[in-house]
């Protein structure tokens, strides 16, 4: 029996994780920076444009990320095949993933187009905000199929430990998004002046650019040829589609549970006016930037843990998980301190409106409080995916986010709870207080379960 290599030191394993996570973090920051650009540029038009982009982005992100979660089934499958040197399995996995992405993309377009008006009526959004939201959605759905197919190639190359092309393409996409936004918002070169809705059309353009760029890169580089992705055409195989869905649906529901909390909060806040929605969007958008740090590490953990498990190095998989959790806790302490010290300046970056700034500063304090539990829950989930464990994490997160986050926020924010502020509704701060509690309720059992799974594999 071959001898298991010794475990790397904490600094050595940290460097390995960060080498893989670093480009992913930069790529994700570039993608969330596009949302930041959308928010800032729409905010300069009017509060209604800012609120419309806020609601539209919340709806779009909920659908797109939930379907992205299903496609993340590819990551542990490719990583374990690569770690086990079963290269012949990777091409078929990818071809089936592309069919799944195409089907999900078309379904998502219909879901957004037909469902958005009803969602806005349910949210009691103001007529001007609803109009801006629907205009944003009309644009962004054009790029939705490209976005999901791009995520298949994203999982492909990152699971092979090749993350730099994702970073480069994401930065280029951000650079394209800024002038595209400006042209479409202001109606330059004879194009109609779309206001905040132009951000949706610019996003669609960026999605197609990113897809074609990553396809071109992976098709031309010699490293990828050994996996024979383009060897032949292949129709969907239902047995393989079922395998992807069995692994991916819990991940998709996990994403839906987490992202939908913020979406539903935004929709419930819509009845409190554009200024409240705008302050919520500022807080959400900035916290999305900081979230990319643990998210990048979590993605790296899925890949490294998956590769170790595929190679049968279970002690290394457990060690990687432990080091990754420690890293994200250190990063979370730094981001929490940044938010606490810079909250007024952060709010002022987004809008000149003093009333919106004041409420955003209050909400940013809650965002600082949830940095640690959010980092733990996302990184523990990422490591568990490397073990191909997705069902129980989904159950934990659905209960935490939908029961504690949504119901708790509804009660604290809109109805009030006895013994809390004399039973007076807290408004937006009440929703964010519930978000902190929900992330904590997810982090503790997920961390315990990761320890349990790692010990079981030993």
Protein backbone atom coordinates (compact mmCIF):
# COMPACT_ATOMS: atom_id res chain seq x y z
CA UNK A 1 0.00 0.00 0.00
CA UNK A 2 1.50 3.40 -0.94
CA UNK A 3 2.42 5.58 2.01
CA UNK A 4 0.23 8.63 2.55
CA UNK A 5 2.32 11.80 2.15
CA UNK A 6 2.67 13.92 5.30
CA UNK A 7 0.18 16.70 5.91
CA UNK A 8 1.41 20.13 4.83
CA UNK A 9 1.95 22.80 7.46
CA UNK A 10 -0.72 25.42 8.09
CA UNK A 11 1.18 28.11 6.10
CA UNK A 12 1.82 25.70 3.21
CA UNK A 13 -1.80 24.58 2.99
CA UNK A 14 -2.98 28.19 3.35
CA UNK A 15 -0.83 29.20 0.40
CA UNK A 16 -2.21 26.34 -1.68
CA UNK A 17 -5.79 27.30 -0.87
CA UNK A 18 -5.20 31.00 -1.51
CA UNK A 19 -3.35 30.28 -4.76
CA UNK A 20 -6.52 28.60 -6.00
CA UNK A 21 -8.95 30.95 -4.25
CA UNK A 22 -7.18 34.20 -5.12
CA UNK A 23 -8.19 34.37 -8.81
CA UNK A 24 -11.70 33.18 -7.89
CA UNK A 25 -11.99 35.97 -5.32
CA UNK A 26 -10.81 38.57 -7.85
CA UNK A 27 -13.24 37.17 -10.44
CA UNK A 28 -16.16 37.24 -8.02
CA UNK A 29 -15.26 40.73 -6.84
CA UNK A 30 -15.23 41.84 -10.46
CA UNK A 31 -18.70 40.32 -10.95
CA UNK A 32 -20.11 41.90 -7.81
CA UNK A 33 -18.39 45.14 -8.77
CA UNK A 34 -20.65 45.14 -11.81
CA UNK A 35 -23.62 45.18 -9.44
CA UNK A 36 -21.88 47.98 -7.54
CA UNK A 37 -21.47 49.93 -10.79
CA UNK A 38 -25.14 49.31 -11.65
CA UNK A 39 -26.22 50.53 -8.23
CA UNK A 40 -24.08 53.66 -8.26
CA UNK A 41 -24.90 54.64 -11.84
CA UNK A 42 -28.63 54.02 -11.38
CA UNK A 43 -28.53 55.94 -8.10
CA UNK A 44 -27.26 59.00 -9.94
CA UNK A 45 -30.36 58.96 -12.14
CA UNK A 46 -33.07 58.90 -9.45
CA UNK A 47 -34.13 57.03 -6.27
CA UNK A 48 -36.78 55.22 -8.37
CA UNK A 49 -34.11 54.01 -10.82
CA UNK A 50 -31.94 52.85 -7.92
CA UNK A 51 -34.88 51.03 -6.31
CA UNK A 52 -35.87 49.49 -9.66
CA UNK A 53 -32.37 48.17 -10.30
CA UNK A 54 -32.27 46.95 -6.68
CA UNK A 55 -35.47 44.94 -7.00
CA UNK A 56 -34.64 43.73 -10.50
CA UNK A 57 -31.17 42.60 -9.44
CA UNK A 58 -32.62 40.82 -6.40
CA UNK A 59 -35.06 38.85 -8.56
CA UNK A 60 -32.45 38.10 -11.25
CA UNK A 61 -29.81 37.01 -8.74
CA UNK A 62 -32.24 34.73 -6.92
CA UNK A 63 -33.09 32.81 -10.11
CA UNK A 64 -29.65 32.85 -11.71
CA UNK A 65 -27.74 31.80 -8.60
CA UNK A 66 -30.26 29.10 -7.69
CA UNK A 67 -29.82 27.54 -11.13
CA UNK A 68 -26.06 28.07 -10.88
CA UNK A 69 -26.20 26.03 -7.68
CA UNK A 70 -27.65 23.08 -9.59
CA UNK A 71 -24.78 23.29 -12.07
CA UNK A 72 -22.25 23.27 -9.21
CA UNK A 73 -22.79 19.51 -9.13
CA UNK A 74 -20.12 19.52 -11.84
CA UNK A 75 -17.42 20.84 -9.50
CA UNK A 76 -17.01 17.86 -7.15
CA UNK A 77 -17.56 15.38 -10.00
CA UNK A 78 -14.83 16.94 -12.15
CA UNK A 79 -12.53 17.54 -9.15
CA UNK A 80 -12.78 13.95 -7.92
CA UNK A 81 -12.27 12.54 -11.43
CA UNK A 82 -9.23 14.79 -11.88
CA UNK A 83 -7.82 13.94 -8.44
CA UNK A 84 -8.26 10.24 -9.18
CA UNK A 85 -6.65 10.66 -12.64
CA UNK A 86 -9.83 9.40 -14.34
CA UNK A 87 -9.49 11.96 -17.12
CA UNK A 88 -11.73 10.02 -19.52
CA UNK A 89 -14.74 10.80 -17.28
CA UNK A 90 -14.41 14.59 -17.47
CA UNK A 91 -15.49 15.16 -21.10
CA UNK A 92 -18.79 13.24 -20.73
CA UNK A 93 -19.54 14.99 -17.44
CA UNK A 94 -19.06 18.36 -19.09
CA UNK A 95 -21.15 17.56 -22.16
CA UNK A 96 -24.07 16.53 -19.98
CA UNK A 97 -23.57 19.67 -17.88
CA UNK A 98 -23.88 21.85 -20.97
CA UNK A 99 -27.22 20.29 -21.88
CA UNK A 100 -28.46 20.83 -18.34
CA UNK A 101 -27.33 24.48 -18.41
CA UNK A 102 -29.14 25.11 -21.71
CA UNK A 103 -32.38 23.64 -20.38
CA UNK A 104 -32.14 25.58 -17.12
CA UNK A 105 -31.36 28.79 -19.01
CA UNK A 106 -34.45 28.60 -21.19
CA UNK A 107 -36.65 27.72 -18.23
CA UNK A 108 -35.20 30.62 -16.22
CA UNK A 109 -35.99 33.10 -19.01
CA UNK A 110 -39.64 32.06 -18.97
CA UNK A 111 -39.75 32.13 -15.19
CA UNK A 112 -38.39 35.67 -14.97
CA UNK A 113 -40.42 37.08 -17.84
CA UNK A 114 -43.74 35.64 -16.68
CA UNK A 115 -43.20 35.85 -12.94
CA UNK A 116 -41.76 39.33 -12.39
CA UNK A 117 -45.03 41.32 -12.79
CA UNK A 118 -46.79 39.12 -10.23
CA UNK A 119 -43.88 39.39 -7.80
CA UNK A 120 -43.97 43.18 -8.02
CA UNK A 121 -47.72 43.27 -7.43
CA UNK A 122 -47.31 40.99 -4.42
CA UNK A 123 -44.57 43.27 -3.11
CA UNK A 124 -46.81 46.33 -3.58
CA UNK A 125 -43.97 48.13 -5.37
CA UNK A 126 -44.67 51.73 -6.37
CA UNK A 127 -45.67 52.08 -10.06
CA UNK A 128 -42.51 53.98 -11.04
CA UNK A 129 -40.29 51.45 -9.28
CA UNK A 130 -42.17 48.51 -10.88
CA UNK A 131 -41.71 50.02 -14.34
CA UNK A 132 -37.96 50.39 -13.82
CA UNK A 133 -37.72 46.85 -12.43
CA UNK A 134 -39.49 45.27 -15.40
CA UNK A 135 -37.29 47.21 -17.81
CA UNK A 136 -34.18 45.87 -16.06
CA UNK A 137 -35.51 42.28 -16.18
CA UNK A 138 -36.40 42.57 -19.90
CA UNK A 139 -32.76 43.31 -20.61
CA UNK A 140 -31.00 40.95 -18.27
CA UNK A 141 -32.88 37.80 -19.34
CA UNK A 142 -31.31 38.07 -22.79
CA UNK A 143 -28.02 37.09 -21.19
CA UNK A 144 -29.35 34.45 -18.78
CA UNK A 145 -28.70 31.33 -20.94
CA UNK A 146 -25.16 32.57 -21.60
CA UNK A 147 -24.63 33.18 -17.87
CA UNK A 148 -25.54 29.59 -16.96
CA UNK A 149 -23.51 27.98 -19.75
CA UNK A 150 -20.57 30.15 -18.69
CA UNK A 151 -20.92 28.73 -15.17
CA UNK A 152 -20.43 25.22 -16.58
CA UNK A 153 -17.07 26.25 -18.03
CA UNK A 154 -16.33 28.10 -14.80
CA UNK A 155 -16.77 24.85 -12.83
CA UNK A 156 -14.76 22.96 -15.44
CA UNK A 157 -11.60 25.04 -15.34
CA UNK A 158 -11.70 25.83 -11.60
CA UNK A 159 -12.10 22.13 -10.72
CA UNK A 160 -8.91 21.49 -12.70
CA UNK A 161 -7.14 24.10 -10.51
CA UNK A 162 -6.98 26.55 -13.43
CA UNK A 163 -8.63 29.70 -12.08
CA UNK A 164 -6.61 32.54 -13.63
CA UNK A 165 -8.59 32.63 -16.92
CA UNK A 166 -11.79 33.15 -14.92
CA UNK A 167 -10.16 36.09 -13.16
CA UNK A 168 -8.94 37.73 -16.38
CA UNK A 169 -12.27 37.33 -18.18
CA UNK A 170 -14.20 38.68 -15.18
CA UNK A 171 -12.02 41.79 -15.00
CA UNK A 172 -12.44 42.38 -18.74
CA UNK A 173 -16.21 41.94 -18.34
CA UNK A 174 -16.24 44.60 -15.61
CA UNK A 175 -14.34 46.99 -17.87
CA UNK A 176 -16.89 46.36 -20.62
CA UNK A 177 -19.85 46.80 -18.24
CA UNK A 178 -18.97 50.38 -17.24
CA UNK A 179 -19.13 52.01 -20.70
CA UNK A 180 -22.05 49.76 -21.72
CA UNK A 181 -24.00 51.00 -18.69
CA UNK A 182 -23.18 54.63 -19.47
CA UNK A 183 -24.22 54.34 -23.11
CA UNK A 184 -27.51 52.56 -22.41
CA UNK A 185 -28.50 54.57 -19.34
CA UNK A 186 -27.99 57.86 -21.17
CA UNK A 187 -29.04 56.80 -24.67
CA UNK A 188 -25.86 57.64 -26.57
CA UNK A 189 -25.13 56.89 -30.25
CA UNK A 190 -28.80 57.04 -31.18
CA UNK A 191 -29.87 54.37 -28.70
CA UNK A 192 -32.94 54.94 -26.50
CA UNK A 193 -32.34 56.50 -23.09
CA UNK A 194 -33.18 53.58 -20.76
CA UNK A 195 -32.19 54.94 -17.36
CA UNK A 196 -31.63 52.22 -14.75
CA UNK A 197 -33.14 49.60 -17.09
CA UNK A 198 -30.04 50.01 -19.28
CA UNK A 199 -28.04 48.21 -16.60
CA UNK A 200 -29.96 45.02 -17.39
CA UNK A 201 -29.14 45.17 -21.09
CA UNK A 202 -25.48 45.90 -20.30
CA UNK A 203 -25.40 42.84 -18.04
CA UNK A 204 -26.73 40.67 -20.88
CA UNK A 205 -23.98 41.92 -23.19
CA UNK A 206 -21.34 41.10 -20.57
CA UNK A 207 -22.74 37.58 -20.06
CA UNK A 208 -22.35 36.70 -23.73
CA UNK A 209 -18.86 38.20 -23.87
CA UNK A 210 -17.76 36.14 -20.84
CA UNK A 211 -19.12 32.91 -22.30
CA UNK A 212 -17.43 33.27 -25.68
CA UNK A 213 -14.15 34.33 -24.08
CA UNK A 214 -13.98 31.28 -21.77
CA UNK A 215 -15.00 28.87 -24.53
CA UNK A 216 -12.25 30.29 -26.74
CA UNK A 217 -9.65 29.97 -23.98
CA UNK A 218 -10.46 26.38 -22.97
CA UNK A 219 -10.70 25.30 -26.61
CA UNK A 220 -7.29 26.64 -27.58
CA UNK A 221 -5.10 25.72 -24.60
CA UNK A 222 -3.25 22.40 -24.89
CA UNK A 223 -3.86 21.47 -21.22
CA UNK A 224 -7.60 20.98 -21.78
CA UNK A 225 -7.26 18.68 -24.80
CA UNK A 226 -6.58 15.61 -22.67
CA UNK A 227 -10.15 15.78 -21.33
CA UNK A 228 -11.67 15.55 -24.85
CA UNK A 229 -14.60 17.86 -24.21
CA UNK A 230 -15.04 18.55 -27.93
CA UNK A 231 -14.27 15.00 -29.08
CA UNK A 232 -17.79 14.30 -30.35
CA UNK A 233 -21.40 15.42 -30.13
CA UNK A 234 -23.47 13.81 -27.42
CA UNK A 235 -27.21 13.95 -26.76
CA UNK A 236 -28.51 14.20 -23.19
CA UNK A 237 -28.26 10.91 -21.32
CA UNK A 238 -31.04 10.70 -18.78
CA UNK A 239 -29.11 8.55 -16.31
CA UNK A 240 -26.34 11.18 -16.21
CA UNK A 241 -28.84 14.02 -16.01
CA UNK A 242 -30.45 12.34 -13.00
CA UNK A 243 -27.04 11.99 -11.34
CA UNK A 244 -26.33 15.68 -11.86
CA UNK A 245 -29.75 16.64 -10.53
CA UNK A 246 -29.46 14.39 -7.47
CA UNK A 247 -26.26 16.14 -6.50
CA UNK A 248 -27.10 19.59 -7.86
CA UNK A 249 -30.69 20.16 -6.76
CA UNK A 250 -29.78 20.32 -3.05
CA UNK A 251 -27.05 22.82 -3.90
CA UNK A 252 -29.51 24.87 -5.94
CA UNK A 253 -32.03 24.83 -3.10
CA UNK A 254 -29.26 25.85 -0.70
CA UNK A 255 -28.45 28.85 -2.90
CA UNK A 256 -32.14 29.62 -3.22
CA UNK A 257 -32.58 29.47 0.56
CA UNK A 258 -29.76 31.94 1.17
CA UNK A 259 -30.27 34.32 -1.73
CA UNK A 260 -34.06 34.36 -1.47
CA UNK A 261 -33.82 35.69 2.07
CA UNK A 262 -32.30 38.91 0.75
CA UNK A 263 -34.69 39.02 -2.21
CA UNK A 264 -37.80 38.52 -0.11
CA UNK A 265 -36.55 41.09 2.38
CA UNK A 266 -36.11 43.58 -0.47
CA UNK A 267 -39.62 42.83 -1.72
CA UNK A 268 -41.17 43.19 1.75
CA UNK A 269 -39.31 46.45 2.26
CA UNK A 270 -40.68 47.80 -1.04
CA UNK A 271 -43.88 48.92 0.71
CA UNK A 272 -41.81 51.15 3.03
CA UNK A 273 -40.66 53.39 0.18
CA UNK A 274 -37.80 53.90 -2.26
CA UNK A 275 -35.41 55.30 0.36
CA UNK A 276 -35.68 52.18 2.54
CA UNK A 277 -35.20 49.90 -0.47
CA UNK A 278 -32.21 51.95 -1.59
CA UNK A 279 -30.53 51.79 1.84
CA UNK A 280 -31.11 48.03 1.95
CA UNK A 281 -29.57 47.69 -1.51
CA UNK A 282 -26.49 49.67 -0.48
CA UNK A 283 -25.92 47.42 2.51
CA UNK A 284 -26.60 44.29 0.51
CA UNK A 285 -24.36 45.33 -2.34
CA UNK A 286 -21.37 46.17 -0.14
CA UNK A 287 -21.76 43.03 1.97
CA UNK A 288 -21.81 41.08 -1.31
CA UNK A 289 -18.31 42.42 -1.98
CA UNK A 290 -17.00 41.15 1.36
CA UNK A 291 -18.85 37.83 0.89
CA UNK A 292 -16.66 37.09 -2.11
CA UNK A 293 -13.66 36.46 0.18
CA UNK A 294 -15.15 33.44 2.01
CA UNK A 295 -16.98 32.42 -1.16
CA UNK A 296 -13.69 32.20 -3.05
CA UNK A 297 -12.13 30.12 -0.28
CA UNK A 298 -15.25 27.90 -0.20
CA UNK A 299 -14.93 27.26 -3.95
CA UNK A 300 -11.28 26.38 -3.47
CA UNK A 301 -12.23 24.02 -0.65
CA UNK A 302 -14.72 22.20 -2.90
CA UNK A 303 -11.97 21.69 -5.47
CA UNK A 304 -9.12 20.73 -3.11
CA UNK A 305 -11.25 18.54 -0.85
CA UNK A 306 -12.77 16.89 -3.93
CA UNK A 307 -9.37 16.22 -5.46
CA UNK A 308 -8.06 14.72 -2.18
CA UNK A 309 -11.15 12.52 -1.80
CA UNK A 310 -10.85 11.39 -5.43
CA UNK A 311 -7.24 10.39 -4.77
CA UNK A 312 -8.18 8.63 -1.51
CA UNK A 313 -6.21 11.11 0.66
CA UNK A 314 -8.90 11.56 3.33
CA UNK A 315 -6.56 12.95 6.00
CA UNK A 316 -5.51 15.66 3.54
CA UNK A 317 -9.16 16.44 2.81
CA UNK A 318 -9.88 16.95 6.52
CA UNK A 319 -6.73 19.06 6.95
CA UNK A 320 -7.66 21.27 4.00
CA UNK A 321 -11.13 21.82 5.50
CA UNK A 322 -9.68 22.83 8.88
CA UNK A 323 -7.19 25.27 7.38
CA UNK A 324 -9.86 26.76 5.10
CA UNK A 325 -12.27 27.43 7.98
CA UNK A 326 -9.50 29.14 9.93
CA UNK A 327 -8.62 31.32 6.95
CA UNK A 328 -12.16 32.55 6.42
CA UNK A 329 -12.53 33.43 10.09
CA UNK A 330 -9.43 35.62 9.87
CA UNK A 331 -10.75 37.28 6.71
CA UNK A 332 -14.17 37.82 8.31
CA UNK A 333 -12.63 39.60 11.31
CA UNK A 334 -10.87 41.98 8.92
CA UNK A 335 -14.00 42.77 6.86
CA UNK A 336 -16.14 43.26 9.98
CA UNK A 337 -13.64 45.79 11.31
CA UNK A 338 -13.56 47.59 7.95
CA UNK A 339 -17.35 47.97 7.92
CA UNK A 340 -17.48 49.18 11.52
CA UNK A 341 -14.85 51.86 10.92
CA UNK A 342 -15.96 53.01 7.46
CA UNK A 343 -19.78 52.73 7.46
CA UNK A 344 -20.49 56.46 6.78
CA UNK A 345 -17.96 56.61 3.97
CA UNK A 346 -19.32 53.38 2.43
CA UNK A 347 -22.87 54.76 2.37
CA UNK A 348 -21.71 58.04 0.84
CA UNK A 349 -20.06 56.16 -2.04
CA UNK A 350 -23.45 54.97 -3.24
CA UNK A 351 -25.72 57.98 -2.99
CA UNK A 352 -25.70 61.70 -2.14
CA UNK A 353 -29.13 61.36 -0.47
CA UNK A 354 -28.59 62.03 3.27
CA UNK A 355 -31.69 60.14 4.42
CA UNK A 356 -30.65 57.03 2.51
CA UNK A 357 -27.11 57.37 3.85
CA UNK A 358 -28.29 57.55 7.47
CA UNK A 359 -30.34 54.36 7.30
CA UNK A 360 -27.64 52.56 5.32
CA UNK A 361 -25.09 53.30 8.07
CA UNK A 362 -27.37 51.60 10.61
CA UNK A 363 -27.86 48.56 8.38
CA UNK A 364 -24.12 48.27 7.71
CA UNK A 365 -23.57 47.64 11.43
CA UNK A 366 -25.69 44.50 11.10
CA UNK A 367 -23.69 43.53 8.02
CA UNK A 368 -20.53 43.76 10.14
CA UNK A 369 -22.08 41.48 12.76
CA UNK A 370 -22.84 38.68 10.30
CA UNK A 371 -19.37 38.51 8.71
CA UNK A 372 -18.18 35.67 10.97
CA UNK A 373 -21.22 33.34 10.85
CA UNK A 374 -21.59 33.93 7.12
CA UNK A 375 -17.94 33.02 6.52
CA UNK A 376 -18.26 29.81 8.54
CA UNK A 377 -21.46 28.60 6.91
CA UNK A 378 -20.34 29.20 3.33
CA UNK A 379 -16.89 27.64 3.78
CA UNK A 380 -18.24 24.60 5.66
CA UNK A 381 -20.76 24.10 2.85
CA UNK A 382 -18.00 24.36 0.25
CA UNK A 383 -15.90 21.72 1.99
CA UNK A 384 -18.90 19.39 2.31
CA UNK A 385 -19.51 19.69 -1.45
CA UNK A 386 -15.98 18.39 -1.98
CA UNK A 387 -17.13 15.22 -0.19
CA UNK A 388 -20.24 15.23 -2.45
CA UNK A 389 -22.41 15.86 0.62
CA UNK A 390 -25.21 18.27 -0.28
CA UNK A 391 -28.56 17.14 1.11
CA UNK A 392 -28.26 17.80 4.87
CA UNK A 393 -26.56 21.19 4.32
CA UNK A 394 -29.57 22.12 2.19
CA UNK A 395 -31.99 21.15 4.99
CA UNK A 396 -30.00 23.12 7.57
CA UNK A 397 -29.85 26.24 5.42
CA UNK A 398 -33.47 26.11 4.31
CA UNK A 399 -34.62 25.95 7.94
CA UNK A 400 -32.20 28.65 9.08
CA UNK A 401 -32.80 31.12 6.26
CA UNK A 402 -36.50 30.67 5.64
CA UNK A 403 -37.69 30.16 9.22
CA UNK A 404 -35.30 32.37 11.18
CA UNK A 405 -34.38 34.79 8.39
CA UNK A 406 -37.65 35.37 6.52
CA UNK A 407 -40.26 34.70 9.21
CA UNK A 408 -38.12 36.31 11.91
CA UNK A 409 -37.51 39.34 9.72
CA UNK A 410 -41.20 39.60 8.87
CA UNK A 411 -42.11 39.66 12.54
CA UNK A 412 -39.33 41.96 13.73
CA UNK A 413 -39.47 44.30 10.74
CA UNK A 414 -43.16 44.67 9.95
CA UNK A 415 -45.18 43.45 12.93
CA UNK A 416 -43.03 43.67 16.03
CA UNK A 417 -42.37 41.11 18.74
CA UNK A 418 -43.25 41.44 22.44
CA UNK A 419 -40.29 42.41 24.64
CA UNK A 420 -38.41 43.74 21.60
CA UNK A 421 -38.63 47.52 21.24
CA UNK A 422 -41.96 47.42 23.15
CA UNK A 423 -43.45 45.38 20.32
CA UNK A 424 -42.98 48.19 17.79
CA UNK A 425 -41.91 47.06 14.28
CA UNK A 426 -38.23 47.77 13.67
CA UNK A 427 -38.46 48.24 9.89
CA UNK A 428 -35.31 47.49 7.90
CA UNK A 429 -33.10 46.98 11.02
CA UNK A 430 -35.47 44.23 12.16
CA UNK A 431 -34.95 42.33 8.92
CA UNK A 432 -31.18 42.62 9.19
CA UNK A 433 -31.22 41.48 12.81
CA UNK A 434 -33.05 38.33 11.65
CA UNK A 435 -30.46 37.83 8.91
CA UNK A 436 -27.65 37.79 11.48
CA UNK A 437 -29.56 35.23 13.55
CA UNK A 438 -30.29 33.04 10.52
CA UNK A 439 -26.63 32.91 9.44
CA UNK A 440 -25.62 31.92 12.95
CA UNK A 441 -28.30 29.24 13.01
CA UNK A 442 -26.80 27.81 9.80
CA UNK A 443 -23.12 28.14 10.70
CA UNK A 444 -23.12 26.13 13.93
CA UNK A 445 -24.71 22.86 12.67
CA UNK A 446 -22.87 23.03 9.33
CA UNK A 447 -19.50 23.26 11.08
CA UNK A 448 -20.43 20.35 13.35
CA UNK A 449 -21.53 18.24 10.39
CA UNK A 450 -18.31 18.95 8.47
CA UNK A 451 -16.31 17.64 11.43
CA UNK A 452 -18.54 14.55 11.53
CA UNK A 453 -18.11 13.84 7.79
CA UNK A 454 -14.33 14.35 7.88
CA UNK A 455 -14.01 11.89 10.77
CA UNK A 456 -16.21 9.35 9.01
CA UNK A 457 -13.99 9.38 5.91
CA UNK A 458 -10.89 8.70 8.00
